[in-house]
Amino acid sequence: MESSIIGTRRVTRPVRQNIDTKEIGTRKEAAQYIADMSLELRNLAKANRFISLQGLLEVAYYEAFSATTNIEIPAGEIEHLKELSRASQG
């Protein structure tokens, strides 16, 4: 643990570990790692009522998570959805 003074408070934080980017591998694996870490940090922010920080970390989580679930729209589906939209508007 590392200790430092921020403002008038002493803050103790874990010693930063270097992440070997070769271990992460693909973009999808990196996105999964980022999603996992940002979710942990989001939960910590929520537990300590850092509302703005919680929101930012949620955005980071959803961005990373969406990169891990690469969902492709089937061919022709977009046109089908547009047709349904036009039909519902009368």
N, C-alpha and C. Protein backbone atom coordinates (compact mmCIF):
# COMPACT_ATOMS: atom_id res chain seq x y z
N MET A 1 0.84 -1.18 0.00
CA MET A 1 0.00 0.00 0.00
C MET A 1 0.88 1.24 0.00
N GLU A 2 0.42 2.24 -0.72
CA GLU A 2 1.10 3.51 -0.80
C GLU A 2 0.27 4.53 -0.04
N SER A 3 0.91 5.45 0.63
CA SER A 3 0.19 6.44 1.40
C SER A 3 0.63 7.82 0.94
N SER A 4 -0.34 8.72 0.77
CA SER A 4 -0.01 10.09 0.40
C SER A 4 -1.05 11.01 1.01
N ILE A 5 -0.73 12.29 1.04
CA ILE A 5 -1.67 13.27 1.59
C ILE A 5 -2.30 14.03 0.44
N ILE A 6 -3.63 14.04 0.43
CA ILE A 6 -4.38 14.80 -0.56
C ILE A 6 -5.21 15.80 0.22
N GLY A 7 -4.95 17.09 -0.01
CA GLY A 7 -5.64 18.10 0.79
C GLY A 7 -5.22 17.96 2.24
N THR A 8 -6.17 17.70 3.12
CA THR A 8 -5.87 17.53 4.53
C THR A 8 -6.02 16.08 4.97
N ARG A 9 -6.26 15.17 4.02
CA ARG A 9 -6.49 13.77 4.36
C ARG A 9 -5.36 12.88 3.86
N ARG A 10 -5.03 11.90 4.67
CA ARG A 10 -4.07 10.89 4.24
C ARG A 10 -4.84 9.81 3.51
N VAL A 11 -4.41 9.49 2.32
CA VAL A 11 -5.08 8.50 1.49
C VAL A 11 -4.16 7.32 1.29
N THR A 12 -4.67 6.13 1.55
CA THR A 12 -3.90 4.92 1.34
C THR A 12 -4.49 4.19 0.14
N ARG A 13 -3.64 3.86 -0.79
CA ARG A 13 -4.11 3.14 -1.98
C ARG A 13 -3.15 2.02 -2.31
N PRO A 14 -3.65 1.00 -2.97
CA PRO A 14 -2.76 -0.12 -3.32
C PRO A 14 -1.66 0.33 -4.26
N VAL A 15 -0.53 -0.32 -4.14
CA VAL A 15 0.58 -0.04 -5.05
C VAL A 15 0.15 -0.47 -6.45
N ARG A 16 0.35 0.40 -7.38
CA ARG A 16 -0.07 0.14 -8.75
C ARG A 16 0.72 -1.01 -9.35
N GLN A 17 -0.01 -1.94 -9.91
CA GLN A 17 0.64 -3.06 -10.57
C GLN A 17 0.67 -2.79 -12.07
N ASN A 18 1.79 -3.07 -12.66
CA ASN A 18 1.88 -2.90 -14.10
C ASN A 18 1.17 -4.05 -14.79
N ILE A 19 0.28 -3.72 -15.71
CA ILE A 19 -0.46 -4.71 -16.47
C ILE A 19 0.30 -4.96 -17.76
N ASP A 20 0.62 -6.20 -18.01
CA ASP A 20 1.30 -6.55 -19.25
C ASP A 20 0.25 -6.62 -20.35
N THR A 21 0.31 -5.67 -21.28
CA THR A 21 -0.71 -5.62 -22.33
C THR A 21 -0.66 -6.84 -23.24
N LYS A 22 0.44 -7.56 -23.25
CA LYS A 22 0.52 -8.78 -24.05
C LYS A 22 -0.38 -9.87 -23.47
N GLU A 23 -0.63 -9.81 -22.14
CA GLU A 23 -1.51 -10.78 -21.51
C GLU A 23 -2.95 -10.59 -21.92
N ILE A 24 -3.32 -9.36 -22.22
CA ILE A 24 -4.72 -9.06 -22.54
C ILE A 24 -5.07 -9.56 -23.94
N GLY A 25 -4.19 -9.41 -24.88
CA GLY A 25 -4.42 -9.99 -26.20
C GLY A 25 -5.32 -9.17 -27.10
N THR A 26 -6.49 -9.69 -27.39
CA THR A 26 -7.37 -9.08 -28.38
C THR A 26 -8.09 -7.86 -27.83
N ARG A 27 -8.66 -7.10 -28.74
CA ARG A 27 -9.45 -5.92 -28.37
C ARG A 27 -10.63 -6.34 -27.49
N LYS A 28 -11.25 -7.46 -27.82
CA LYS A 28 -12.39 -7.94 -27.05
C LYS A 28 -11.98 -8.29 -25.62
N GLU A 29 -10.82 -8.92 -25.46
CA GLU A 29 -10.32 -9.25 -24.12
C GLU A 29 -10.00 -7.99 -23.33
N ALA A 30 -9.44 -6.99 -24.01
CA ALA A 30 -9.14 -5.72 -23.35
C ALA A 30 -10.43 -5.05 -22.90
N ALA A 31 -11.45 -5.07 -23.76
CA ALA A 31 -12.74 -4.48 -23.41
C ALA A 31 -13.36 -5.19 -22.21
N GLN A 32 -13.23 -6.51 -22.16
CA GLN A 32 -13.77 -7.27 -21.03
C GLN A 32 -13.05 -6.89 -19.74
N TYR A 33 -11.73 -6.75 -19.81
CA TYR A 33 -10.95 -6.35 -18.63
C TYR A 33 -11.37 -4.97 -18.15
N ILE A 34 -11.51 -4.04 -19.09
CA ILE A 34 -11.93 -2.68 -18.76
C ILE A 34 -13.34 -2.69 -18.15
N ALA A 35 -14.24 -3.49 -18.72
CA ALA A 35 -15.60 -3.59 -18.18
C ALA A 35 -15.56 -4.11 -16.74
N ASP A 36 -14.77 -5.14 -16.49
CA ASP A 36 -14.67 -5.71 -15.14
C ASP A 36 -14.14 -4.68 -14.15
N MET A 37 -13.06 -4.00 -14.52
CA MET A 37 -12.45 -3.02 -13.62
C MET A 37 -13.36 -1.83 -13.38
N SER A 38 -14.00 -1.32 -14.44
CA SER A 38 -14.86 -0.15 -14.27
C SER A 38 -16.10 -0.49 -13.45
N LEU A 39 -16.58 -1.72 -13.54
CA LEU A 39 -17.72 -2.13 -12.72
C LEU A 39 -17.32 -2.19 -11.25
N GLU A 40 -16.13 -2.69 -10.96
CA GLU A 40 -15.65 -2.72 -9.58
C GLU A 40 -15.53 -1.29 -9.03
N LEU A 41 -14.95 -0.41 -9.83
CA LEU A 41 -14.79 0.98 -9.40
C LEU A 41 -16.14 1.67 -9.25
N ARG A 42 -17.07 1.36 -10.13
CA ARG A 42 -18.42 1.93 -10.04
C ARG A 42 -19.09 1.51 -8.74
N ASN A 43 -18.94 0.25 -8.36
CA ASN A 43 -19.54 -0.22 -7.12
C ASN A 43 -18.92 0.46 -5.91
N LEU A 44 -17.62 0.69 -5.96
CA LEU A 44 -16.93 1.40 -4.89
C LEU A 44 -17.42 2.84 -4.80
N ALA A 45 -17.56 3.50 -5.95
CA ALA A 45 -18.06 4.88 -5.98
C ALA A 45 -19.49 4.95 -5.44
N LYS A 46 -20.31 3.99 -5.82
CA LYS A 46 -21.70 3.96 -5.34
C LYS A 46 -21.76 3.76 -3.83
N ALA A 47 -20.97 2.85 -3.32
CA ALA A 47 -20.96 2.56 -1.89
C ALA A 47 -20.53 3.78 -1.07
N ASN A 48 -19.72 4.63 -1.67
CA ASN A 48 -19.23 5.82 -0.97
C ASN A 48 -19.92 7.10 -1.41
N ARG A 49 -20.99 6.95 -2.15
CA ARG A 49 -21.86 8.06 -2.59
C ARG A 49 -21.13 9.12 -3.41
N PHE A 50 -20.26 8.69 -4.31
CA PHE A 50 -19.66 9.58 -5.30
C PHE A 50 -20.54 9.51 -6.54
N ILE A 51 -21.64 10.24 -6.51
CA ILE A 51 -22.68 10.11 -7.52
C ILE A 51 -22.17 10.43 -8.93
N SER A 52 -21.47 11.55 -9.09
CA SER A 52 -20.97 11.92 -10.42
C SER A 52 -19.97 10.90 -10.94
N LEU A 53 -19.09 10.47 -10.07
CA LEU A 53 -18.09 9.48 -10.45
C LEU A 53 -18.76 8.15 -10.80
N GLN A 54 -19.77 7.80 -10.03
CA GLN A 54 -20.52 6.57 -10.32
C GLN A 54 -21.10 6.62 -11.73
N GLY A 55 -21.67 7.74 -12.11
CA GLY A 55 -22.24 7.88 -13.44
C GLY A 55 -21.20 7.76 -14.54
N LEU A 56 -20.06 8.40 -14.34
CA LEU A 56 -18.99 8.32 -15.33
C LEU A 56 -18.48 6.89 -15.49
N LEU A 57 -18.34 6.20 -14.36
CA LEU A 57 -17.86 4.82 -14.42
C LEU A 57 -18.89 3.90 -15.06
N GLU A 58 -20.18 4.21 -14.89
CA GLU A 58 -21.21 3.42 -15.56
C GLU A 58 -21.11 3.59 -17.07
N VAL A 59 -20.86 4.81 -17.51
CA VAL A 59 -20.68 5.06 -18.95
C VAL A 59 -19.49 4.26 -19.47
N ALA A 60 -18.38 4.28 -18.72
CA ALA A 60 -17.20 3.52 -19.13
C ALA A 60 -17.50 2.03 -19.18
N TYR A 61 -18.24 1.54 -18.19
CA TYR A 61 -18.61 0.13 -18.16
C TYR A 61 -19.44 -0.25 -19.38
N TYR A 62 -20.49 0.52 -19.66
CA TYR A 62 -21.35 0.18 -20.79
C TYR A 62 -20.63 0.27 -22.12
N GLU A 63 -19.74 1.22 -22.24
CA GLU A 63 -18.94 1.35 -23.47
C GLU A 63 -18.07 0.12 -23.67
N ALA A 64 -17.39 -0.29 -22.62
CA ALA A 64 -16.52 -1.46 -22.70
C ALA A 64 -17.34 -2.74 -22.89
N PHE A 65 -18.44 -2.86 -22.15
CA PHE A 65 -19.27 -4.05 -22.26
C PHE A 65 -19.84 -4.20 -23.66
N SER A 66 -20.26 -3.08 -24.26
CA SER A 66 -20.82 -3.15 -25.61
C SER A 66 -19.77 -3.62 -26.62
N ALA A 67 -18.51 -3.33 -26.35
CA ALA A 67 -17.44 -3.79 -27.25
C ALA A 67 -17.20 -5.29 -27.11
N THR A 68 -17.59 -5.87 -25.97
CA THR A 68 -17.39 -7.31 -25.77
C THR A 68 -18.51 -8.13 -26.37
N THR A 69 -19.65 -7.51 -26.58
CA THR A 69 -20.81 -8.23 -27.13
C THR A 69 -21.09 -7.71 -28.52
N ASN A 70 -20.24 -8.02 -29.42
CA ASN A 70 -20.31 -7.53 -30.79
C ASN A 70 -21.51 -8.15 -31.52
N ILE A 71 -22.66 -7.51 -31.36
CA ILE A 71 -23.89 -8.02 -31.95
C ILE A 71 -24.07 -7.39 -33.33
N GLU A 72 -24.22 -8.21 -34.32
CA GLU A 72 -24.44 -7.72 -35.67
C GLU A 72 -25.89 -7.91 -36.06
N ILE A 73 -26.44 -6.91 -36.73
CA ILE A 73 -27.82 -6.99 -37.20
C ILE A 73 -27.85 -7.85 -38.44
N PRO A 74 -28.74 -8.85 -38.47
CA PRO A 74 -28.81 -9.73 -39.65
C PRO A 74 -29.15 -8.95 -40.92
N ALA A 75 -28.68 -9.47 -42.03
CA ALA A 75 -28.94 -8.83 -43.34
C ALA A 75 -30.44 -8.65 -43.54
N GLY A 76 -30.84 -7.47 -43.98
CA GLY A 76 -32.24 -7.19 -44.27
C GLY A 76 -33.06 -6.76 -43.06
N GLU A 77 -32.52 -6.90 -41.87
CA GLU A 77 -33.28 -6.57 -40.66
C GLU A 77 -33.52 -5.08 -40.52
N ILE A 78 -32.55 -4.27 -40.90
CA ILE A 78 -32.72 -2.82 -40.80
C ILE A 78 -33.86 -2.36 -41.69
N GLU A 79 -33.91 -2.86 -42.91
CA GLU A 79 -35.00 -2.49 -43.82
C GLU A 79 -36.35 -2.96 -43.26
N HIS A 80 -36.38 -4.14 -42.70
CA HIS A 80 -37.61 -4.67 -42.10
C HIS A 80 -38.08 -3.77 -40.95
N LEU A 81 -37.16 -3.30 -40.12
CA LEU A 81 -37.51 -2.41 -39.02
C LEU A 81 -38.04 -1.07 -39.54
N LYS A 82 -37.45 -0.58 -40.62
CA LYS A 82 -37.93 0.68 -41.22
C LYS A 82 -39.34 0.50 -41.75
N GLU A 83 -39.60 -0.64 -42.38
CA GLU A 83 -40.96 -0.92 -42.87
C GLU A 83 -41.97 -0.97 -41.73
N LEU A 84 -41.61 -1.62 -40.64
CA LEU A 84 -42.49 -1.70 -39.48
C LEU A 84 -42.75 -0.29 -38.92
N SER A 85 -41.73 0.52 -38.90
CA SER A 85 -41.87 1.89 -38.40
C SER A 85 -42.81 2.70 -39.27
N ARG A 86 -42.65 2.58 -40.59
CA ARG A 86 -43.54 3.30 -41.51
C ARG A 86 -44.98 2.81 -41.34
N ALA A 87 -45.17 1.51 -41.20
CA ALA A 87 -46.51 0.94 -41.07
C ALA A 87 -47.17 1.40 -39.77
N SER A 88 -46.40 1.55 -38.71
CA SER A 88 -46.98 1.96 -37.43
C SER A 88 -47.36 3.44 -37.42
N GLN A 89 -46.76 4.21 -38.31
CA GLN A 89 -47.06 5.65 -38.38
C GLN A 89 -48.28 5.92 -39.25
N GLY A 90 -48.74 4.90 -39.95
CA GLY A 90 -49.97 4.97 -40.72
C GLY A 90 -49.79 5.54 -42.05
